[in-house]
Amino acid sequence: MSLSLESAALLSEAEEPVKIKSQRDFWSGLMFIVVGIGFAWGATEYNFGSSARPGPGYFPFGLGLILAALGALVAFKALAIETSDGEPIGSIAWKPLLMIVGAVVLFGLLLPRLGLILTLPILIVFSALAGDEFHLGEALINAVALTLFSWLVFVVGLSLTLPLWPPFLSK
């Protein structure tokens, strides 16, 4: 039994490995899949409740699945759509990465000591320093707007008991 030239060509095409056409999209999609599955898996430790009365695991589980599905779409796009240069992954931007992670840690440390009204502007300005185009005026406007918005949403809207001011000013 011999193969025709067309059959041989089809077989050789089928044996080619899948080529990643966009490195950046592939690895970011994979990261979204892993984080999404991690959140969904972690949410299984909590009560799901029902659609009418969702429990604490309901929202993180659904959000994790959505994040994983979006990651799968991004990774599929990276395998299916050709890019001109393969969009290689550049070097890691250490300064912004460390400053944003540092801002999250600083938030946890400062909130109980300074309260929401003083902590948020400090962290917003600190986080803005991570960018290449820092302008103090813009950072201060953002700080005021985001602090007001956070106060409205979390304290007024959701009635969370967050410290607004430092303990020495609250007494």
C-alpha atoms as a PDB file:
ATOM      1  CA  MET A   1       0.000   0.000   0.000  1.00  0.00           C
ATOM      2  CA  SER A   2       1.594   3.250  -1.104  1.00  0.00           C
ATOM      3  CA  LEU A   3       0.775   6.783  -0.137  1.00  0.00           C
ATOM      4  CA  SER A   4      -0.003   9.377  -2.712  1.00  0.00           C
ATOM      5  CA  LEU A   5       1.955  12.644  -2.659  1.00  0.00           C
ATOM      6  CA  GLU A   6      -1.091  14.485  -1.292  1.00  0.00           C
ATOM      7  CA  SER A   7      -1.531  11.999   1.568  1.00  0.00           C
ATOM      8  CA  ALA A   8       2.162  12.227   2.452  1.00  0.00           C
ATOM      9  CA  ALA A   9       1.996  16.023   2.485  1.00  0.00           C
ATOM     10  CA  LEU A  10      -1.038  15.961   4.771  1.00  0.00           C
ATOM     11  CA  LEU A  11       0.690  13.557   7.157  1.00  0.00           C
ATOM     12  CA  SER A  12       3.851  15.677   7.315  1.00  0.00           C
ATOM     13  CA  GLU A  13       1.788  18.810   8.058  1.00  0.00           C
ATOM     14  CA  ALA A  14      -0.075  17.012  10.850  1.00  0.00           C
ATOM     15  CA  GLU A  15       3.216  16.018  12.527  1.00  0.00           C
ATOM     16  CA  GLU A  16       4.475  19.596  12.872  1.00  0.00           C
ATOM     17  CA  PRO A  17       4.470  20.809  16.476  1.00  0.00           C
ATOM     18  CA  VAL A  18       2.169  23.637  17.480  1.00  0.00           C
ATOM     19  CA  LYS A  19       3.982  26.940  17.106  1.00  0.00           C
ATOM     20  CA  ILE A  20       3.463  29.739  19.616  1.00  0.00           C
ATOM     21  CA  LYS A  21       2.833  32.799  17.480  1.00  0.00           C
ATOM     22  CA  SER A  22       2.789  35.328  20.340  1.00  0.00           C
ATOM     23  CA  GLN A  23       4.991  34.546  23.335  1.00  0.00           C
ATOM     24  CA  ARG A  24       3.545  37.407  25.371  1.00  0.00           C
ATOM     25  CA  ASP A  25      -0.084  36.341  24.889  1.00  0.00           C
ATOM     26  CA  PHE A  26       0.658  32.666  25.422  1.00  0.00           C
ATOM     27  CA  TRP A  27       2.392  33.105  28.775  1.00  0.00           C
ATOM     28  CA  SER A  28      -0.077  35.701  30.045  1.00  0.00           C
ATOM     29  CA  GLY A  29      -2.959  33.416  29.032  1.00  0.00           C
ATOM     30  CA  LEU A  30      -1.300  30.522  30.852  1.00  0.00           C
ATOM     31  CA  MET A  31      -0.849  32.728  33.932  1.00  0.00           C
ATOM     32  CA  PHE A  32      -4.564  33.660  33.868  1.00  0.00           C
ATOM     33  CA  ILE A  33      -5.506  29.976  33.578  1.00  0.00           C
ATOM     34  CA  VAL A  34      -3.347  28.998  36.570  1.00  0.00           C
ATOM     35  CA  VAL A  35      -4.548  31.894  38.757  1.00  0.00           C
ATOM     36  CA  GLY A  36      -8.192  31.318  37.756  1.00  0.00           C
ATOM     37  CA  ILE A  37      -8.038  27.616  38.536  1.00  0.00           C
ATOM     38  CA  GLY A  38      -6.277  28.420  41.805  1.00  0.00           C
ATOM     39  CA  PHE A  39      -9.041  30.817  42.855  1.00  0.00           C
ATOM     40  CA  ALA A  40     -11.774  28.387  41.821  1.00  0.00           C
ATOM     41  CA  TRP A  41     -10.070  25.554  43.667  1.00  0.00           C
ATOM     42  CA  GLY A  42      -9.566  27.693  46.788  1.00  0.00           C
ATOM     43  CA  ALA A  43     -13.242  28.681  46.702  1.00  0.00           C
ATOM     44  CA  THR A  44     -14.291  25.033  47.008  1.00  0.00           C
ATOM     45  CA  GLU A  45     -13.302  25.231  50.697  1.00  0.00           C
ATOM     46  CA  TYR A  46     -16.205  27.641  51.302  1.00  0.00           C
ATOM     47  CA  ASN A  47     -19.972  27.185  51.241  1.00  0.00           C
ATOM     48  CA  PHE A  48     -21.419  27.899  47.780  1.00  0.00           C
ATOM     49  CA  GLY A  49     -24.986  28.590  48.829  1.00  0.00           C
ATOM     50  CA  SER A  50     -27.430  29.035  45.964  1.00  0.00           C
ATOM     51  CA  SER A  51     -28.088  31.583  43.252  1.00  0.00           C
ATOM     52  CA  ALA A  52     -30.739  33.238  45.406  1.00  0.00           C
ATOM     53  CA  ARG A  53     -28.504  33.224  48.514  1.00  0.00           C
ATOM     54  CA  PRO A  54     -24.882  32.925  47.416  1.00  0.00           C
ATOM     55  CA  GLY A  55     -22.363  31.806  50.005  1.00  0.00           C
ATOM     56  CA  PRO A  56     -18.771  33.008  50.428  1.00  0.00           C
ATOM     57  CA  GLY A  57     -17.462  30.552  47.813  1.00  0.00           C
ATOM     58  CA  TYR A  58     -19.965  31.433  45.090  1.00  0.00           C
ATOM     59  CA  PHE A  59     -18.388  34.599  43.687  1.00  0.00           C
ATOM     60  CA  PRO A  60     -14.679  33.591  43.851  1.00  0.00           C
ATOM     61  CA  PHE A  61     -15.454  30.239  42.215  1.00  0.00           C
ATOM     62  CA  GLY A  62     -17.332  31.850  39.324  1.00  0.00           C
ATOM     63  CA  LEU A  63     -14.735  34.585  38.953  1.00  0.00           C
ATOM     64  CA  GLY A  64     -11.937  31.996  38.922  1.00  0.00           C
ATOM     65  CA  LEU A  65     -13.651  30.032  36.170  1.00  0.00           C
ATOM     66  CA  ILE A  66     -14.218  33.188  34.112  1.00  0.00           C
ATOM     67  CA  LEU A  67     -10.565  34.186  34.558  1.00  0.00           C
ATOM     68  CA  ALA A  68      -9.405  30.707  33.481  1.00  0.00           C
ATOM     69  CA  ALA A  69     -11.709  30.795  30.433  1.00  0.00           C
ATOM     70  CA  LEU A  70     -10.399  34.222  29.407  1.00  0.00           C
ATOM     71  CA  GLY A  71      -6.861  32.926  29.839  1.00  0.00           C
ATOM     72  CA  ALA A  72      -7.672  29.986  27.602  1.00  0.00           C
ATOM     73  CA  LEU A  73      -8.977  32.372  24.929  1.00  0.00           C
ATOM     74  CA  VAL A  74      -5.823  34.501  25.132  1.00  0.00           C
ATOM     75  CA  ALA A  75      -3.585  31.411  24.951  1.00  0.00           C
ATOM     76  CA  PHE A  76      -5.580  30.048  22.001  1.00  0.00           C
ATOM     77  CA  LYS A  77      -5.200  33.395  20.215  1.00  0.00           C
ATOM     78  CA  ALA A  78      -1.445  33.174  20.806  1.00  0.00           C
ATOM     79  CA  LEU A  79      -1.402  29.794  19.084  1.00  0.00           C
ATOM     80  CA  ALA A  80      -3.770  30.658  16.229  1.00  0.00           C
ATOM     81  CA  ILE A  81      -3.053  34.207  15.076  1.00  0.00           C
ATOM     82  CA  GLU A  82       0.312  34.975  13.492  1.00  0.00           C
ATOM     83  CA  THR A  83       2.196  38.086  14.624  1.00  0.00           C
ATOM     84  CA  SER A  84       5.003  39.797  12.780  1.00  0.00           C
ATOM     85  CA  ASP A  85       7.777  39.246  15.345  1.00  0.00           C
ATOM     86  CA  GLY A  86       6.305  36.581  17.632  1.00  0.00           C
ATOM     87  CA  GLU A  87       5.861  39.219  20.346  1.00  0.00           C
ATOM     88  CA  PRO A  88       8.678  38.004  22.571  1.00  0.00           C
ATOM     89  CA  ILE A  89       8.538  38.530  26.303  1.00  0.00           C
ATOM     90  CA  GLY A  90      10.659  41.488  27.321  1.00  0.00           C
ATOM     91  CA  SER A  91      12.652  41.880  30.477  1.00  0.00           C
ATOM     92  CA  ILE A  92      10.849  41.998  33.806  1.00  0.00           C
ATOM     93  CA  ALA A  93      10.018  45.531  34.964  1.00  0.00           C
ATOM     94  CA  TRP A  94      11.310  45.138  38.516  1.00  0.00           C
ATOM     95  CA  LYS A  95      10.740  48.696  39.727  1.00  0.00           C
ATOM     96  CA  PRO A  96       6.971  48.795  39.046  1.00  0.00           C
ATOM     97  CA  LEU A  97       6.525  45.209  40.213  1.00  0.00           C
ATOM     98  CA  LEU A  98       8.246  45.797  43.544  1.00  0.00           C
ATOM     99  CA  MET A  99       6.579  49.173  44.103  1.00  0.00           C
ATOM    100  CA  ILE A 100       3.060  47.828  43.515  1.00  0.00           C
ATOM    101  CA  VAL A 101       3.650  44.784  45.730  1.00  0.00           C
ATOM    102  CA  GLY A 102       5.208  47.119  48.296  1.00  0.00           C
ATOM    103  CA  ALA A 103       2.138  49.358  48.154  1.00  0.00           C
ATOM    104  CA  VAL A 104      -0.122  46.397  48.951  1.00  0.00           C
ATOM    105  CA  VAL A 105       2.059  45.453  51.933  1.00  0.00           C
ATOM    106  CA  LEU A 106       2.208  49.086  53.032  1.00  0.00           C
ATOM    107  CA  PHE A 107      -1.601  49.273  52.877  1.00  0.00           C
ATOM    108  CA  GLY A 108      -1.862  46.380  55.321  1.00  0.00           C
ATOM    109  CA  LEU A 109       0.626  48.037  57.653  1.00  0.00           C
ATOM    110  CA  LEU A 110      -0.693  51.613  57.487  1.00  0.00           C
ATOM    111  CA  LEU A 111      -4.479  51.163  57.474  1.00  0.00           C
ATOM    112  CA  PRO A 112      -4.823  50.267  61.177  1.00  0.00           C
ATOM    113  CA  ARG A 113      -2.324  52.979  62.164  1.00  0.00           C
ATOM    114  CA  LEU A 114      -3.347  55.901  59.913  1.00  0.00           C
ATOM    115  CA  GLY A 115      -6.886  55.074  58.835  1.00  0.00           C
ATOM    116  CA  LEU A 116      -8.399  55.027  55.360  1.00  0.00           C
ATOM    117  CA  ILE A 117      -8.410  58.795  54.772  1.00  0.00           C
ATOM    118  CA  LEU A 118      -4.630  59.137  55.210  1.00  0.00           C
ATOM    119  CA  THR A 119      -3.483  55.689  54.007  1.00  0.00           C
ATOM    120  CA  LEU A 120      -5.076  55.742  50.550  1.00  0.00           C
ATOM    121  CA  PRO A 121      -3.528  59.021  49.333  1.00  0.00           C
ATOM    122  CA  ILE A 122      -0.089  57.891  50.501  1.00  0.00           C
ATOM    123  CA  LEU A 123      -0.411  54.587  48.656  1.00  0.00           C
ATOM    124  CA  ILE A 124      -1.876  56.103  45.509  1.00  0.00           C
ATOM    125  CA  VAL A 125       1.003  58.568  45.205  1.00  0.00           C
ATOM    126  CA  PHE A 126       3.511  55.797  46.057  1.00  0.00           C
ATOM    127  CA  SER A 127       1.992  53.518  43.395  1.00  0.00           C
ATOM    128  CA  ALA A 128       2.034  56.325  40.832  1.00  0.00           C
ATOM    129  CA  LEU A 129       5.810  56.567  41.319  1.00  0.00           C
ATOM    130  CA  ALA A 130       6.071  53.103  39.742  1.00  0.00           C
ATOM    131  CA  GLY A 131       5.195  54.506  36.311  1.00  0.00           C
ATOM    132  CA  ASP A 132       7.509  56.204  33.847  1.00  0.00           C
ATOM    133  CA  GLU A 133       5.334  59.318  33.544  1.00  0.00           C
ATOM    134  CA  PHE A 134       4.833  60.461  37.147  1.00  0.00           C
ATOM    135  CA  HIS A 135       3.169  63.850  37.672  1.00  0.00           C
ATOM    136  CA  LEU A 136       2.537  64.880  41.258  1.00  0.00           C
ATOM    137  CA  GLY A 137      -0.557  66.957  40.382  1.00  0.00           C
ATOM    138  CA  GLU A 138      -2.241  64.059  38.592  1.00  0.00           C
ATOM    139  CA  ALA A 139      -1.337  61.669  41.393  1.00  0.00           C
ATOM    140  CA  LEU A 140      -2.853  64.013  43.998  1.00  0.00           C
ATOM    141  CA  ILE A 141      -6.058  64.454  41.995  1.00  0.00           C
ATOM    142  CA  ASN A 142      -6.306  60.657  41.675  1.00  0.00           C
ATOM    143  CA  ALA A 143      -5.612  60.278  45.386  1.00  0.00           C
ATOM    144  CA  VAL A 144      -8.439  62.633  46.363  1.00  0.00           C
ATOM    145  CA  ALA A 145     -10.914  61.128  43.881  1.00  0.00           C
ATOM    146  CA  LEU A 146     -10.111  57.494  44.762  1.00  0.00           C
ATOM    147  CA  THR A 147     -10.151  58.154  48.506  1.00  0.00           C
ATOM    148  CA  LEU A 148     -13.565  59.809  48.229  1.00  0.00           C
ATOM    149  CA  PHE A 149     -14.835  56.972  46.023  1.00  0.00           C
ATOM    150  CA  SER A 150     -13.490  54.319  48.436  1.00  0.00           C
ATOM    151  CA  TRP A 151     -15.113  56.067  51.391  1.00  0.00           C
ATOM    152  CA  LEU A 152     -18.445  56.243  49.536  1.00  0.00           C
ATOM    153  CA  VAL A 153     -18.364  52.602  48.431  1.00  0.00           C
ATOM    154  CA  PHE A 154     -16.918  50.848  51.462  1.00  0.00           C
ATOM    155  CA  VAL A 155     -17.953  52.989  54.419  1.00  0.00           C
ATOM    156  CA  VAL A 156     -21.185  54.623  53.259  1.00  0.00           C
ATOM    157  CA  GLY A 157     -22.451  52.067  50.729  1.00  0.00           C
ATOM    158  CA  LEU A 158     -21.345  48.754  52.230  1.00  0.00           C
ATOM    159  CA  SER A 159     -21.239  49.924  55.878  1.00  0.00           C
ATOM    160  CA  LEU A 160     -17.826  48.325  56.481  1.00  0.00           C
ATOM    161  CA  THR A 161     -16.187  49.244  59.748  1.00  0.00           C
ATOM    162  CA  LEU A 162     -12.871  50.571  58.519  1.00  0.00           C
ATOM    163  CA  PRO A 163     -10.770  52.971  60.566  1.00  0.00           C
ATOM    164  CA  LEU A 164     -11.154  56.352  58.871  1.00  0.00           C
ATOM    165  CA  TRP A 165      -8.618  58.298  60.933  1.00  0.00           C
ATOM    166  CA  PRO A 166      -5.597  57.376  63.078  1.00  0.00           C
ATOM    167  CA  PRO A 167      -6.567  56.065  66.515  1.00  0.00           C
ATOM    168  CA  PHE A 168      -5.155  59.149  68.283  1.00  0.00           C
ATOM    169  CA  LEU A 169      -7.502  61.407  66.248  1.00  0.00           C
ATOM    170  CA  SER A 170     -10.575  59.180  66.616  1.00  0.00           C
ATOM    171  CA  LYS A 171     -10.836  59.371  70.385  1.00  0.00           C
END
